[in-house]
Amino acid sequence: FQMGLAEVEKDDSTKNIFIGISMAYKQMETILGEYGLEIIKSEGEVFDPKFHEALSYQNHEEIDEGVILQTIRSGYKIREKLLRPASVIISQGKEKKDN
């Protein structure tokens, strides 16, 4: 649903499809949330290998090393059980200059 929403949001001609998918997604999220499903929060959080899967690293001038820059694929847990780790890109901090 998330990837579908991202694609149909790009074009104004798919506005009605976007509205339909987003309504269905919100309903599904609400129902699954009642059963304890949670989306793992990632962006801006410190990398935790228990809940995150690192896909790559990027230098970043403003964000400290080990902080998640971007979520590529959302992770999920149900209550305290991990269903799927979030796939993320992590900051390496400032680029080191060689002399």
PDB file of N, CA and C in Angstrom:
ATOM      1  N   PHE A   1       0.820  -1.196   0.000  1.00  0.00           N
ATOM      2  CA  PHE A   1       0.000   0.000   0.000  1.00  0.00           C
ATOM      3  C   PHE A   1       0.865   1.261   0.000  1.00  0.00           C
ATOM      4  N   GLN A   2       1.915   1.260   0.814  1.00  0.00           N
ATOM      5  CA  GLN A   2       2.772   2.442   0.899  1.00  0.00           C
ATOM      6  C   GLN A   2       3.455   2.743  -0.428  1.00  0.00           C
ATOM      7  N   MET A   3       3.949   1.719  -1.103  1.00  0.00           N
ATOM      8  CA  MET A   3       4.602   1.940  -2.392  1.00  0.00           C
ATOM      9  C   MET A   3       3.589   2.371  -3.445  1.00  0.00           C
ATOM     10  N   GLY A   4       2.393   1.801  -3.409  1.00  0.00           N
ATOM     11  CA  GLY A   4       1.334   2.201  -4.335  1.00  0.00           C
ATOM     12  C   GLY A   4       0.932   3.647  -4.131  1.00  0.00           C
ATOM     13  N   LEU A   5       0.809   4.061  -2.878  1.00  0.00           N
ATOM     14  CA  LEU A   5       0.475   5.452  -2.578  1.00  0.00           C
ATOM     15  C   LEU A   5       1.543   6.403  -3.091  1.00  0.00           C
ATOM     16  N   ALA A   6       2.806   6.028  -2.914  1.00  0.00           N
ATOM     17  CA  ALA A   6       3.902   6.882  -3.380  1.00  0.00           C
ATOM     18  C   ALA A   6       3.862   7.051  -4.896  1.00  0.00           C
ATOM     19  N   GLU A   7       3.514   5.997  -5.614  1.00  0.00           N
ATOM     20  CA  GLU A   7       3.472   6.076  -7.081  1.00  0.00           C
ATOM     21  C   GLU A   7       2.291   6.887  -7.596  1.00  0.00           C
ATOM     22  N   VAL A   8       1.086   6.634  -7.075  1.00  0.00           N
ATOM     23  CA  VAL A   8      -0.078   7.351  -7.598  1.00  0.00           C
ATOM     24  C   VAL A   8      -0.092   8.805  -7.145  1.00  0.00           C
ATOM     25  N   GLU A   9       0.646   9.137  -6.108  1.00  0.00           N
ATOM     26  CA  GLU A   9       0.713  10.518  -5.635  1.00  0.00           C
ATOM     27  C   GLU A   9       1.519  11.406  -6.585  1.00  0.00           C
ATOM     28  N   LYS A  10       2.339  10.807  -7.425  1.00  0.00           N
ATOM     29  CA  LYS A  10       3.207  11.549  -8.336  1.00  0.00           C
ATOM     30  C   LYS A  10       2.463  12.224  -9.480  1.00  0.00           C
ATOM     31  N   ASP A  11       1.292  11.731  -9.821  1.00  0.00           N
ATOM     32  CA  ASP A  11       0.589  12.220 -11.006  1.00  0.00           C
ATOM     33  C   ASP A  11      -0.816  12.688 -10.633  1.00  0.00           C
ATOM     34  N   ASP A  12      -1.193  13.878 -11.085  1.00  0.00           N
ATOM     35  CA  ASP A  12      -2.524  14.429 -10.782  1.00  0.00           C
ATOM     36  C   ASP A  12      -3.654  13.621 -11.412  1.00  0.00           C
ATOM     37  N   SER A  13      -3.373  12.916 -12.514  1.00  0.00           N
ATOM     38  CA  SER A  13      -4.434  12.157 -13.173  1.00  0.00           C
ATOM     39  C   SER A  13      -4.860  10.925 -12.368  1.00  0.00           C
ATOM     40  N   THR A  14      -4.083  10.556 -11.377  1.00  0.00           N
ATOM     41  CA  THR A  14      -4.408   9.390 -10.543  1.00  0.00           C
ATOM     42  C   THR A  14      -4.933   9.804  -9.169  1.00  0.00           C
ATOM     43  N   LYS A  15      -5.461  11.014  -9.079  1.00  0.00           N
ATOM     44  CA  LYS A  15      -5.937  11.537  -7.794  1.00  0.00           C
ATOM     45  C   LYS A  15      -7.012  10.645  -7.167  1.00  0.00           C
ATOM     46  N   ASN A  16      -7.973  10.184  -7.966  1.00  0.00           N
ATOM     47  CA  ASN A  16      -9.048   9.342  -7.433  1.00  0.00           C
ATOM     48  C   ASN A  16      -8.521   7.991  -6.946  1.00  0.00           C
ATOM     49  N   ILE A  17      -7.539   7.447  -7.655  1.00  0.00           N
ATOM     50  CA  ILE A  17      -6.920   6.189  -7.223  1.00  0.00           C
ATOM     51  C   ILE A  17      -6.208   6.414  -5.897  1.00  0.00           C
ATOM     52  N   PHE A  18      -5.502   7.533  -5.777  1.00  0.00           N
ATOM     53  CA  PHE A  18      -4.799   7.863  -4.534  1.00  0.00           C
ATOM     54  C   PHE A  18      -5.777   7.938  -3.362  1.00  0.00           C
ATOM     55  N   ILE A  19      -6.886   8.597  -3.564  1.00  0.00           N
ATOM     56  CA  ILE A  19      -7.888   8.730  -2.491  1.00  0.00           C
ATOM     57  C   ILE A  19      -8.409   7.350  -2.080  1.00  0.00           C
ATOM     58  N   GLY A  20      -8.718   6.496  -3.046  1.00  0.00           N
ATOM     59  CA  GLY A  20      -9.222   5.153  -2.745  1.00  0.00           C
ATOM     60  C   GLY A  20      -8.203   4.300  -2.008  1.00  0.00           C
ATOM     61  N   ILE A  21      -6.970   4.308  -2.493  1.00  0.00           N
ATOM     62  CA  ILE A  21      -5.926   3.509  -1.845  1.00  0.00           C
ATOM     63  C   ILE A  21      -5.645   4.031  -0.444  1.00  0.00           C
ATOM     64  N   SER A  22      -5.600   5.340  -0.275  1.00  0.00           N
ATOM     65  CA  SER A  22      -5.298   5.889   1.054  1.00  0.00           C
ATOM     66  C   SER A  22      -6.415   5.569   2.050  1.00  0.00           C
ATOM     67  N   MET A  23      -7.669   5.563   1.606  1.00  0.00           N
ATOM     68  CA  MET A  23      -8.775   5.195   2.499  1.00  0.00           C
ATOM     69  C   MET A  23      -8.659   3.729   2.921  1.00  0.00           C
ATOM     70  N   ALA A  24      -8.378   2.852   1.965  1.00  0.00           N
ATOM     71  CA  ALA A  24      -8.221   1.428   2.273  1.00  0.00           C
ATOM     72  C   ALA A  24      -7.022   1.205   3.193  1.00  0.00           C
ATOM     73  N   TYR A  25      -5.930   1.923   2.943  1.00  0.00           N
ATOM     74  CA  TYR A  25      -4.723   1.792   3.768  1.00  0.00           C
ATOM     75  C   TYR A  25      -4.992   2.226   5.209  1.00  0.00           C
ATOM     76  N   LYS A  26      -5.686   3.342   5.384  1.00  0.00           N
ATOM     77  CA  LYS A  26      -5.998   3.823   6.730  1.00  0.00           C
ATOM     78  C   LYS A  26      -6.893   2.834   7.478  1.00  0.00           C
ATOM     79  N   GLN A  27      -7.856   2.260   6.778  1.00  0.00           N
ATOM     80  CA  GLN A  27      -8.728   1.259   7.390  1.00  0.00           C
ATOM     81  C   GLN A  27      -7.930   0.026   7.815  1.00  0.00           C
ATOM     82  N   MET A  28      -7.078  -0.452   6.927  1.00  0.00           N
ATOM     83  CA  MET A  28      -6.263  -1.623   7.230  1.00  0.00           C
ATOM     84  C   MET A  28      -5.330  -1.336   8.415  1.00  0.00           C
ATOM     85  N   GLU A  29      -4.711  -0.162   8.413  1.00  0.00           N
ATOM     86  CA  GLU A  29      -3.805   0.231   9.494  1.00  0.00           C
ATOM     87  C   GLU A  29      -4.539   0.283  10.836  1.00  0.00           C
ATOM     88  N   THR A  30      -5.760   0.798  10.840  1.00  0.00           N
ATOM     89  CA  THR A  30      -6.557   0.882  12.059  1.00  0.00           C
ATOM     90  C   THR A  30      -6.913  -0.507  12.584  1.00  0.00           C
ATOM     91  N   ILE A  31      -7.372  -1.369  11.697  1.00  0.00           N
ATOM     92  CA  ILE A  31      -7.781  -2.724  12.103  1.00  0.00           C
ATOM     93  C   ILE A  31      -6.574  -3.509  12.615  1.00  0.00           C
ATOM     94  N   LEU A  32      -5.458  -3.472  11.893  1.00  0.00           N
ATOM     95  CA  LEU A  32      -4.269  -4.201  12.324  1.00  0.00           C
ATOM     96  C   LEU A  32      -3.693  -3.606  13.615  1.00  0.00           C
ATOM     97  N   GLY A  33      -3.824  -2.302  13.788  1.00  0.00           N
ATOM     98  CA  GLY A  33      -3.386  -1.647  15.021  1.00  0.00           C
ATOM     99  C   GLY A  33      -4.158  -2.136  16.225  1.00  0.00           C
ATOM    100  N   GLU A  34      -5.442  -2.453  16.033  1.00  0.00           N
ATOM    101  CA  GLU A  34      -6.260  -2.992  17.128  1.00  0.00           C
ATOM    102  C   GLU A  34      -5.757  -4.360  17.578  1.00  0.00           C
ATOM    103  N   TYR A  35      -5.084  -5.078  16.679  1.00  0.00           N
ATOM    104  CA  TYR A  35      -4.508  -6.387  17.015  1.00  0.00           C
ATOM    105  C   TYR A  35      -3.065  -6.273  17.514  1.00  0.00           C
ATOM    106  N   GLY A  36      -2.556  -5.050  17.631  1.00  0.00           N
ATOM    107  CA  GLY A  36      -1.226  -4.845  18.184  1.00  0.00           C
ATOM    108  C   GLY A  36      -0.124  -4.609  17.176  1.00  0.00           C
ATOM    109  N   LEU A  37      -0.447  -4.474  15.887  1.00  0.00           N
ATOM    110  CA  LEU A  37       0.573  -4.235  14.876  1.00  0.00           C
ATOM    111  C   LEU A  37       1.085  -2.795  14.983  1.00  0.00           C
ATOM    112  N   GLU A  38       2.402  -2.645  14.963  1.00  0.00           N
ATOM    113  CA  GLU A  38       3.014  -1.312  15.016  1.00  0.00           C
ATOM    114  C   GLU A  38       4.036  -1.185  13.893  1.00  0.00           C
ATOM    115  N   ILE A  39       4.100   0.009  13.306  1.00  0.00           N
ATOM    116  CA  ILE A  39       5.153   0.316  12.341  1.00  0.00           C
ATOM    117  C   ILE A  39       6.360   0.774  13.148  1.00  0.00           C
ATOM    118  N   ILE A  40       7.523   0.241  12.836  1.00  0.00           N
ATOM    119  CA  ILE A  40       8.743   0.612  13.551  1.00  0.00           C
ATOM    120  C   ILE A  40       9.178   1.994  13.084  1.00  0.00           C
ATOM    121  N   LYS A  41       9.285   2.926  14.019  1.00  0.00           N
ATOM    122  CA  LYS A  41       9.738   4.282  13.689  1.00  0.00           C
ATOM    123  C   LYS A  41      11.238   4.235  13.431  1.00  0.00           C
ATOM    124  N   SER A  42      11.664   4.880  12.361  1.00  0.00           N
ATOM    125  CA  SER A  42      13.063   4.765  11.981  1.00  0.00           C
ATOM    126  C   SER A  42      13.754   6.102  11.767  1.00  0.00           C
ATOM    127  N   GLU A  43      13.241   6.915  10.868  1.00  0.00           N
ATOM    128  CA  GLU A  43      13.948   8.138  10.491  1.00  0.00           C
ATOM    129  C   GLU A  43      14.181   9.039  11.694  1.00  0.00           C
ATOM    130  N   GLY A  44      15.455   9.441  11.852  1.00  0.00           N
ATOM    131  CA  GLY A  44      15.833  10.311  12.957  1.00  0.00           C
ATOM    132  C   GLY A  44      16.168   9.552  14.233  1.00  0.00           C
ATOM    133  N   GLU A  45      15.940   8.237  14.232  1.00  0.00           N
ATOM    134  CA  GLU A  45      16.244   7.395  15.402  1.00  0.00           C
ATOM    135  C   GLU A  45      17.668   6.847  15.281  1.00  0.00           C
ATOM    136  N   VAL A  46      18.219   6.424  16.401  1.00  0.00           N
ATOM    137  CA  VAL A  46      19.525   5.772  16.394  1.00  0.00           C
ATOM    138  C   VAL A  46      19.337   4.335  15.904  1.00  0.00           C
ATOM    139  N   PHE A  47      20.248   3.891  15.046  1.00  0.00           N
ATOM    140  CA  PHE A  47      20.178   2.540  14.488  1.00  0.00           C
ATOM    141  C   PHE A  47      20.198   1.505  15.602  1.00  0.00           C
ATOM    142  N   ASP A  48      19.257   0.568  15.550  1.00  0.00           N
ATOM    143  CA  ASP A  48      19.175  -0.535  16.507  1.00  0.00           C
ATOM    144  C   ASP A  48      19.066  -1.830  15.701  1.00  0.00           C
ATOM    145  N   PRO A  49      20.102  -2.678  15.739  1.00  0.00           N
ATOM    146  CA  PRO A  49      20.075  -3.890  14.918  1.00  0.00           C
ATOM    147  C   PRO A  49      18.944  -4.856  15.268  1.00  0.00           C
ATOM    148  N   LYS A  50      18.300  -4.665  16.402  1.00  0.00           N
ATOM    149  CA  LYS A  50      17.156  -5.516  16.751  1.00  0.00           C
ATOM    150  C   LYS A  50      15.936  -5.186  15.892  1.00  0.00           C
ATOM    151  N   PHE A  51      15.850  -3.934  15.421  1.00  0.00           N
ATOM    152  CA  PHE A  51      14.672  -3.487  14.686  1.00  0.00           C
ATOM    153  C   PHE A  51      14.972  -2.944  13.288  1.00  0.00           C
ATOM    154  N   HIS A  52      16.237  -2.737  12.966  1.00  0.00           N
ATOM    155  CA  HIS A  52      16.619  -2.122  11.690  1.00  0.00           C
ATOM    156  C   HIS A  52      17.619  -2.994  10.940  1.00  0.00           C
ATOM    157  N   GLU A  53      17.521  -2.943   9.630  1.00  0.00           N
ATOM    158  CA  GLU A  53      18.462  -3.615   8.741  1.00  0.00           C
ATOM    159  C   GLU A  53      19.142  -2.527   7.903  1.00  0.00           C
ATOM    160  N   ALA A  54      20.461  -2.383   8.047  1.00  0.00           N
ATOM    161  CA  ALA A  54      21.200  -1.347   7.329  1.00  0.00           C
ATOM    162  C   ALA A  54      21.440  -1.777   5.892  1.00  0.00           C
ATOM    163  N   LEU A  55      21.009  -0.941   4.944  1.00  0.00           N
ATOM    164  CA  LEU A  55      21.250  -1.221   3.527  1.00  0.00           C
ATOM    165  C   LEU A  55      22.487  -0.495   3.031  1.00  0.00           C
ATOM    166  N   SER A  56      22.719   0.720   3.563  1.00  0.00           N
ATOM    167  CA  SER A  56      23.910   1.474   3.173  1.00  0.00           C
ATOM    168  C   SER A  56      24.155   2.604   4.164  1.00  0.00           C
ATOM    169  N   TYR A  57      25.295   3.249   3.972  1.00  0.00           N
ATOM    170  CA  TYR A  57      25.688   4.391   4.786  1.00  0.00           C
ATOM    171  C   TYR A  57      25.882   5.586   3.871  1.00  0.00           C
ATOM    172  N   GLN A  58      25.635   6.787   4.402  1.00  0.00           N
ATOM    173  CA  GLN A  58      25.887   8.015   3.643  1.00  0.00           C
ATOM    174  C   GLN A  58      26.500   9.053   4.573  1.00  0.00           C
ATOM    175  N   ASN A  59      27.431   9.835   4.038  1.00  0.00           N
ATOM    176  CA  ASN A  59      27.978  10.949   4.808  1.00  0.00           C
ATOM    177  C   ASN A  59      26.914  12.024   4.931  1.00  0.00           C
ATOM    178  N   HIS A  60      26.889  12.695   6.080  1.00  0.00           N
ATOM    179  CA  HIS A  60      25.932  13.778   6.288  1.00  0.00           C
ATOM    180  C   HIS A  60      26.568  14.806   7.209  1.00  0.00           C
ATOM    181  N   GLU A  61      26.563  16.053   6.781  1.00  0.00           N
ATOM    182  CA  GLU A  61      27.229  17.118   7.531  1.00  0.00           C
ATOM    183  C   GLU A  61      26.525  17.483   8.836  1.00  0.00           C
ATOM    184  N   GLU A  62      25.223  17.285   8.907  1.00  0.00           N
ATOM    185  CA  GLU A  62      24.465  17.755  10.063  1.00  0.00           C
ATOM    186  C   GLU A  62      23.975  16.652  10.996  1.00  0.00           C
ATOM    187  N   ILE A  63      23.928  15.416  10.525  1.00  0.00           N
ATOM    188  CA  ILE A  63      23.381  14.320  11.327  1.00  0.00           C
ATOM    189  C   ILE A  63      24.517  13.422  11.794  1.00  0.00           C
ATOM    190  N   ASP A  64      24.516  13.109  13.087  1.00  0.00           N
ATOM    191  CA  ASP A  64      25.572  12.307  13.699  1.00  0.00           C
ATOM    192  C   ASP A  64      25.622  10.896  13.144  1.00  0.00           C
ATOM    193  N   GLU A  65      26.770  10.270  13.312  1.00  0.00           N
ATOM    194  CA  GLU A  65      26.974   8.894  12.887  1.00  0.00           C
ATOM    195  C   GLU A  65      26.031   7.952  13.645  1.00  0.00           C
ATOM    196  N   GLY A  66      25.441   7.007  12.927  1.00  0.00           N
ATOM    197  CA  GLY A  66      24.577   6.012  13.543  1.00  0.00           C
ATOM    198  C   GLY A  66      23.107   6.373  13.574  1.00  0.00           C
ATOM    199  N   VAL A  67      22.759   7.566  13.106  1.00  0.00           N
ATOM    200  CA  VAL A  67      21.361   8.001  13.071  1.00  0.00           C
ATOM    201  C   VAL A  67      20.781   7.661  11.698  1.00  0.00           C
ATOM    202  N   ILE A  68      19.550   7.206  11.682  1.00  0.00           N
ATOM    203  CA  ILE A  68      18.912   6.775  10.435  1.00  0.00           C
ATOM    204  C   ILE A  68      18.481   7.985   9.606  1.00  0.00           C
ATOM    205  N   LEU A  69      18.924   8.004   8.352  1.00  0.00           N
ATOM    206  CA  LEU A  69      18.602   9.093   7.429  1.00  0.00           C
ATOM    207  C   LEU A  69      17.308   8.839   6.669  1.00  0.00           C
ATOM    208  N   GLN A  70      17.123   7.602   6.224  1.00  0.00           N
ATOM    209  CA  GLN A  70      15.990   7.302   5.349  1.00  0.00           C
ATOM    210  C   GLN A  70      15.525   5.862   5.548  1.00  0.00           C
ATOM    211  N   THR A  71      14.222   5.665   5.485  1.00  0.00           N
ATOM    212  CA  THR A  71      13.643   4.328   5.539  1.00  0.00           C
ATOM    213  C   THR A  71      13.304   3.896   4.117  1.00  0.00           C
ATOM    214  N   ILE A  72      13.863   2.794   3.685  1.00  0.00           N
ATOM    215  CA  ILE A  72      13.601   2.268   2.347  1.00  0.00           C
ATOM    216  C   ILE A  72      12.364   1.379   2.369  1.00  0.00           C
ATOM    217  N   ARG A  73      12.259   0.540   3.405  1.00  0.00           N
ATOM    218  CA  ARG A  73      11.114  -0.355   3.563  1.00  0.00           C
ATOM    219  C   ARG A  73      10.734  -0.372   5.038  1.00  0.00           C
ATOM    220  N   SER A  74       9.477  -0.120   5.332  1.00  0.00           N
ATOM    221  CA  SER A  74       9.015  -0.072   6.714  1.00  0.00           C
ATOM    222  C   SER A  74       9.137  -1.422   7.395  1.00  0.00           C
ATOM    223  N   GLY A  75       9.387  -1.370   8.698  1.00  0.00           N
ATOM    224  CA  GLY A  75       9.438  -2.573   9.506  1.00  0.00           C
ATOM    225  C   GLY A  75       8.196  -2.644  10.377  1.00  0.00           C
ATOM    226  N   TYR A  76       7.874  -3.851  10.834  1.00  0.00           N
ATOM    227  CA  TYR A  76       6.659  -4.040  11.629  1.00  0.00           C
ATOM    228  C   TYR A  76       6.928  -4.953  12.811  1.00  0.00           C
ATOM    229  N   LYS A  77       6.218  -4.712  13.885  1.00  0.00           N
ATOM    230  CA  LYS A  77       6.209  -5.637  15.012  1.00  0.00           C
ATOM    231  C   LYS A  77       4.781  -5.746  15.516  1.00  0.00           C
ATOM    232  N   ILE A  78       4.479  -6.890  16.101  1.00  0.00           N
ATOM    233  CA  ILE A  78       3.169  -7.095  16.691  1.00  0.00           C
ATOM    234  C   ILE A  78       3.420  -7.294  18.179  1.00  0.00           C
ATOM    235  N   ARG A  79       2.920  -6.357  18.939  1.00  0.00           N
ATOM    236  CA  ARG A  79       3.241  -6.253  20.356  1.00  0.00           C
ATOM    237  C   ARG A  79       4.758  -6.160  20.482  1.00  0.00           C
ATOM    238  N   GLU A  80       5.427  -7.106  21.081  1.00  0.00           N
ATOM    239  CA  GLU A  80       6.886  -7.040  21.214  1.00  0.00           C
ATOM    240  C   GLU A  80       7.628  -7.956  20.241  1.00  0.00           C
ATOM    241  N   LYS A  81       6.900  -8.664  19.381  1.00  0.00           N
ATOM    242  CA  LYS A  81       7.521  -9.601  18.441  1.00  0.00           C
ATOM    243  C   LYS A  81       7.801  -8.915  17.103  1.00  0.00           C
ATOM    244  N   LEU A  82       9.040  -9.003  16.644  1.00  0.00           N
ATOM    245  CA  LEU A  82       9.431  -8.421  15.368  1.00  0.00           C
ATOM    246  C   LEU A  82       8.903  -9.273  14.219  1.00  0.00           C
ATOM    247  N   LEU A  83       8.188  -8.627  13.288  1.00  0.00           N
ATOM    248  CA  LEU A  83       7.709  -9.316  12.091  1.00  0.00           C
ATOM    249  C   LEU A  83       8.675  -9.123  10.923  1.00  0.00           C
ATOM    250  N   ARG A  84       9.130  -7.868  10.745  1.00  0.00           N
ATOM    251  CA  ARG A  84      10.069  -7.549   9.674  1.00  0.00           C
ATOM    252  C   ARG A  84      10.861  -6.313  10.096  1.00  0.00           C
ATOM    253  N   PRO A  85      12.200  -6.373  10.022  1.00  0.00           N
ATOM    254  CA  PRO A  85      12.980  -5.182  10.377  1.00  0.00           C
ATOM    255  C   PRO A  85      12.824  -4.100   9.311  1.00  0.00           C
ATOM    256  N   ALA A  86      12.993  -2.861   9.720  1.00  0.00           N
ATOM    257  CA  ALA A  86      12.952  -1.743   8.779  1.00  0.00           C
ATOM    258  C   ALA A  86      14.275  -1.703   8.020  1.00  0.00           C
ATOM    259  N   SER A  87      14.217  -1.560   6.709  1.00  0.00           N
ATOM    260  CA  SER A  87      15.419  -1.427   5.882  1.00  0.00           C
ATOM    261  C   SER A  87      15.746   0.055   5.779  1.00  0.00           C
ATOM    262  N   VAL A  88      16.965   0.434   6.203  1.00  0.00           N
ATOM    263  CA  VAL A  88      17.286   1.852   6.367  1.00  0.00           C
ATOM    264  C   VAL A  88      18.654   2.218   5.799  1.00  0.00           C
ATOM    265  N   ILE A  89      18.838   3.524   5.626  1.00  0.00           N
ATOM    266  CA  ILE A  89      20.134   4.110   5.271  1.00  0.00           C
ATOM    267  C   ILE A  89      20.591   4.899   6.483  1.00  0.00           C
ATOM    268  N   ILE A  90      21.859   4.699   6.877  1.00  0.00           N
ATOM    269  CA  ILE A  90      22.386   5.273   8.116  1.00  0.00           C
ATOM    270  C   ILE A  90      23.421   6.349   7.810  1.00  0.00           C
ATOM    271  N   SER A  91      23.479   7.359   8.670  1.00  0.00           N
ATOM    272  CA  SER A  91      24.457   8.426   8.548  1.00  0.00           C
ATOM    273  C   SER A  91      25.832   7.949   9.022  1.00  0.00           C
ATOM    274  N   GLN A  92      26.868   8.322   8.264  1.00  0.00           N
ATOM    275  CA  GLN A  92      28.243   8.083   8.684  1.00  0.00           C
ATOM    276  C   GLN A  92      28.816   9.333   9.341  1.00  0.00           C
ATOM    277  N   GLY A  93      28.022  10.370   9.471  1.00  0.00           N
ATOM    278  CA  GLY A  93      28.507  11.620  10.021  1.00  0.00           C
ATOM    279  C   GLY A  93      29.200  12.437   8.939  1.00  0.00           C
ATOM    280  N   LYS A  94      30.028  13.379   9.382  1.00  0.00           N
ATOM    281  CA  LYS A  94      30.734  14.243   8.431  1.00  0.00           C
ATOM    282  C   LYS A  94      31.787  13.461   7.662  1.00  0.00           C
ATOM    283  N   GLU A  95      31.983  13.866   6.407  1.00  0.00           N
ATOM    284  CA  GLU A  95      33.000  13.235   5.578  1.00  0.00           C
ATOM    285  C   GLU A  95      34.368  13.583   6.125  1.00  0.00           C
ATOM    286  N   LYS A  96      35.205  12.567   6.291  1.00  0.00           N
ATOM    287  CA  LYS A  96      36.547  12.778   6.824  1.00  0.00           C
ATOM    288  C   LYS A  96      37.461  13.212   5.689  1.00  0.00           C
ATOM    289  N   LYS A  97      38.204  14.288   5.941  1.00  0.00           N
ATOM    290  CA  LYS A  97      39.126  14.839   4.940  1.00  0.00           C
ATOM    291  C   LYS A  97      40.518  14.260   5.174  1.00  0.00           C
ATOM    292  N   ASP A  98      41.122  13.721   4.119  1.00  0.00           N
ATOM    293  CA  ASP A  98      42.503  13.227   4.212  1.00  0.00           C
ATOM    294  C   ASP A  98      43.443  14.378   3.911  1.00  0.00           C
ATOM    295  N   ASN A  99      44.558  14.427   4.630  1.00  0.00           N
ATOM    296  CA  ASN A  99      45.543  15.498   4.405  1.00  0.00           C
ATOM    297  C   ASN A  99      46.523  15.109   3.331  1.00  0.00           C
TER     298      ASN A  99
END
